[in-house]
Amino acid sequence: MTREHLDSRLLDLLPPLAALVPPARIIDKAVYSALGQPAVCNQLRLDGVSTVIVTGGETDVCVLSTVMDAVDAGFRVVLPTDALCSVSDKMHDALLTLYRERFSLQIETTTVGDIVGRWNCG
C-alpha cells in the first residue's frame, strides 16, 4: 500500500494523540529509522532531549534501525515492550532478548504502564 492509494484520513493521528500536537511535533519518515534524517537528531539535541521512547510495528526492522541510530547518537532508549510488534514473533522475541542482554546499558525495556506511572507531569 502506498500513500497515493491510501485514504489520507487513515494516516491521521487518533484524536487523543492529535490533541497533544502542539507542543509535540509530527515528523514523517521516508526510511526505516525515525532518526534517519540528521535534522531529527539535531533538533532533539537542541530541545535538550537525552532519552527517546521508541514504539513501532516492526521490532526487527524500523524499530531496530531507530534504536541502533539512537544508541549511536548517544541517546538513552526506552522500549515499551507492549507497544512493539512484528510480523515475526520469533524475530520480535530475539530482538527483545538482544536489547535486554547486549545493550542493557543503553536500552531499557519496560511497559507503557510503567512509563506513564513514572512520567513527571509536574
Protein backbone atom coordinates (compact mmCIF):
# COMPACT_ATOMS: atom_id res chain seq x y z
CA MET A 1 0.00 0.00 0.00
CA THR A 2 1.40 3.39 -0.93
CA ARG A 3 0.33 6.88 0.12
CA GLU A 4 -1.09 7.71 -3.29
CA HIS A 5 -3.51 4.77 -2.98
CA LEU A 6 -4.50 5.33 0.66
CA ASP A 7 -7.31 7.41 2.04
CA SER A 8 -5.30 10.22 3.70
CA ARG A 9 -7.58 10.07 6.77
CA LEU A 10 -6.07 6.66 7.56
CA LEU A 11 -2.73 8.39 8.17
CA ASP A 12 -4.11 10.93 10.65
CA LEU A 13 -3.35 10.65 14.33
CA LEU A 14 -6.13 9.41 16.57
CA PRO A 15 -7.90 12.32 18.33
CA PRO A 16 -6.28 11.70 21.78
CA LEU A 17 -2.81 11.88 20.17
CA ALA A 18 -3.68 14.76 17.85
CA ALA A 19 -4.68 16.78 20.93
CA LEU A 20 -1.01 16.69 22.00
CA VAL A 21 0.19 18.42 18.81
CA PRO A 22 1.45 21.04 19.55
CA PRO A 23 3.59 21.06 21.68
CA ALA A 24 4.60 17.71 20.16
CA ARG A 25 5.70 17.66 16.53
CA ILE A 26 4.85 15.21 13.77
CA ILE A 27 7.76 14.16 11.56
CA ASP A 28 7.13 11.79 8.67
CA LYS A 29 9.94 9.39 7.90
CA ALA A 30 10.91 8.03 4.50
CA VAL A 31 13.49 5.49 5.71
CA TYR A 32 13.47 2.67 8.28
CA SER A 33 14.94 4.74 11.10
CA ALA A 34 12.97 7.58 12.66
CA LEU A 35 16.39 9.17 13.20
CA GLY A 36 17.50 8.58 9.61
CA GLN A 37 17.40 12.28 8.82
CA PRO A 38 20.25 14.16 10.56
CA ALA A 39 17.96 17.13 11.21
CA VAL A 40 15.85 15.00 13.58
CA CYS A 41 18.78 14.17 15.91
CA ASN A 42 19.96 17.77 15.72
CA GLN A 43 16.53 19.08 16.71
CA LEU A 44 16.27 16.59 19.59
CA ARG A 45 19.63 17.78 20.91
CA LEU A 46 18.61 21.44 20.55
CA ASP A 47 15.48 20.62 22.54
CA GLY A 48 17.62 19.09 25.30
CA VAL A 49 16.36 15.55 24.72
CA SER A 50 18.58 12.82 26.15
CA THR A 51 16.10 9.91 26.19
CA VAL A 52 13.86 8.63 23.42
CA ILE A 53 10.93 6.25 23.80
CA VAL A 54 10.63 4.05 20.73
CA THR A 55 7.47 2.19 19.72
CA GLY A 56 6.52 0.64 16.43
CA GLY A 57 5.07 -2.05 14.26
CA GLU A 58 8.21 -3.90 13.23
CA THR A 59 10.53 -4.68 16.14
CA ASP A 60 13.05 -6.26 13.78
CA VAL A 61 13.01 -3.60 11.04
CA CYS A 62 12.07 0.04 11.72
CA VAL A 63 12.33 -0.23 15.50
CA LEU A 64 15.73 -1.92 15.24
CA SER A 65 17.00 0.73 12.85
CA THR A 66 15.74 3.58 15.04
CA VAL A 67 17.08 2.03 18.24
CA MET A 68 20.55 1.48 16.82
CA ASP A 69 20.66 5.02 15.38
CA ALA A 70 19.57 6.38 18.77
CA VAL A 71 22.27 4.41 20.59
CA ASP A 72 24.89 5.55 18.06
CA ALA A 73 23.75 9.15 18.56
CA GLY A 74 24.18 8.83 22.33
CA PHE A 75 20.52 8.80 23.38
CA ARG A 76 19.19 6.64 26.16
CA VAL A 77 16.48 4.41 24.68
CA VAL A 78 13.32 3.21 26.41
CA LEU A 79 11.30 0.45 24.73
CA PRO A 80 7.77 -0.18 25.98
CA THR A 81 7.55 -3.86 25.05
CA ASP A 82 3.75 -3.80 24.96
CA ALA A 83 3.91 -1.07 22.28
CA LEU A 84 6.09 -3.10 19.92
CA CYS A 85 5.17 -5.86 17.50
CA SER A 86 6.36 -7.64 14.39
CA VAL A 87 5.02 -9.99 11.76
CA SER A 88 7.57 -12.48 13.09
CA ASP A 89 7.15 -13.42 16.75
CA LYS A 90 10.49 -15.26 16.62
CA MET A 91 12.38 -12.16 15.44
CA HIS A 92 10.45 -9.89 17.82
CA ASP A 93 11.44 -12.09 20.77
CA ALA A 94 15.05 -12.35 19.54
CA LEU A 95 15.36 -8.56 19.31
CA LEU A 96 13.91 -8.03 22.78
CA THR A 97 16.47 -10.52 24.09
CA LEU A 98 19.24 -8.68 22.25
CA TYR A 99 18.13 -5.31 23.62
CA ARG A 100 17.94 -6.66 27.18
CA GLU A 101 21.11 -8.73 27.22
CA ARG A 102 23.54 -6.97 24.90
CA PHE A 103 22.50 -3.32 25.19
CA SER A 104 21.18 -3.09 28.75
CA LEU A 105 23.39 -0.06 29.49
CA GLN A 106 21.88 1.97 26.65
CA ILE A 107 18.41 0.44 26.32
CA GLU A 108 15.72 -0.08 28.93
CA THR A 109 12.77 -2.36 28.27
CA THR A 110 9.60 -1.73 30.24
CA THR A 111 5.84 -1.32 29.72
CA VAL A 112 3.64 1.60 28.72
CA GLY A 113 2.02 1.48 32.17
CA ASP A 114 5.41 1.79 33.85
CA ILE A 115 6.40 4.74 31.67
CA VAL A 116 3.12 6.54 32.33
CA GLY A 117 3.42 5.79 36.04
CA ARG A 118 6.92 7.34 36.17
CA TRP A 119 6.11 10.31 33.92
CA ASN A 120 6.99 13.63 35.50
CA CYS A 121 3.82 15.63 35.00
CA GLY A 122 4.72 18.44 37.35
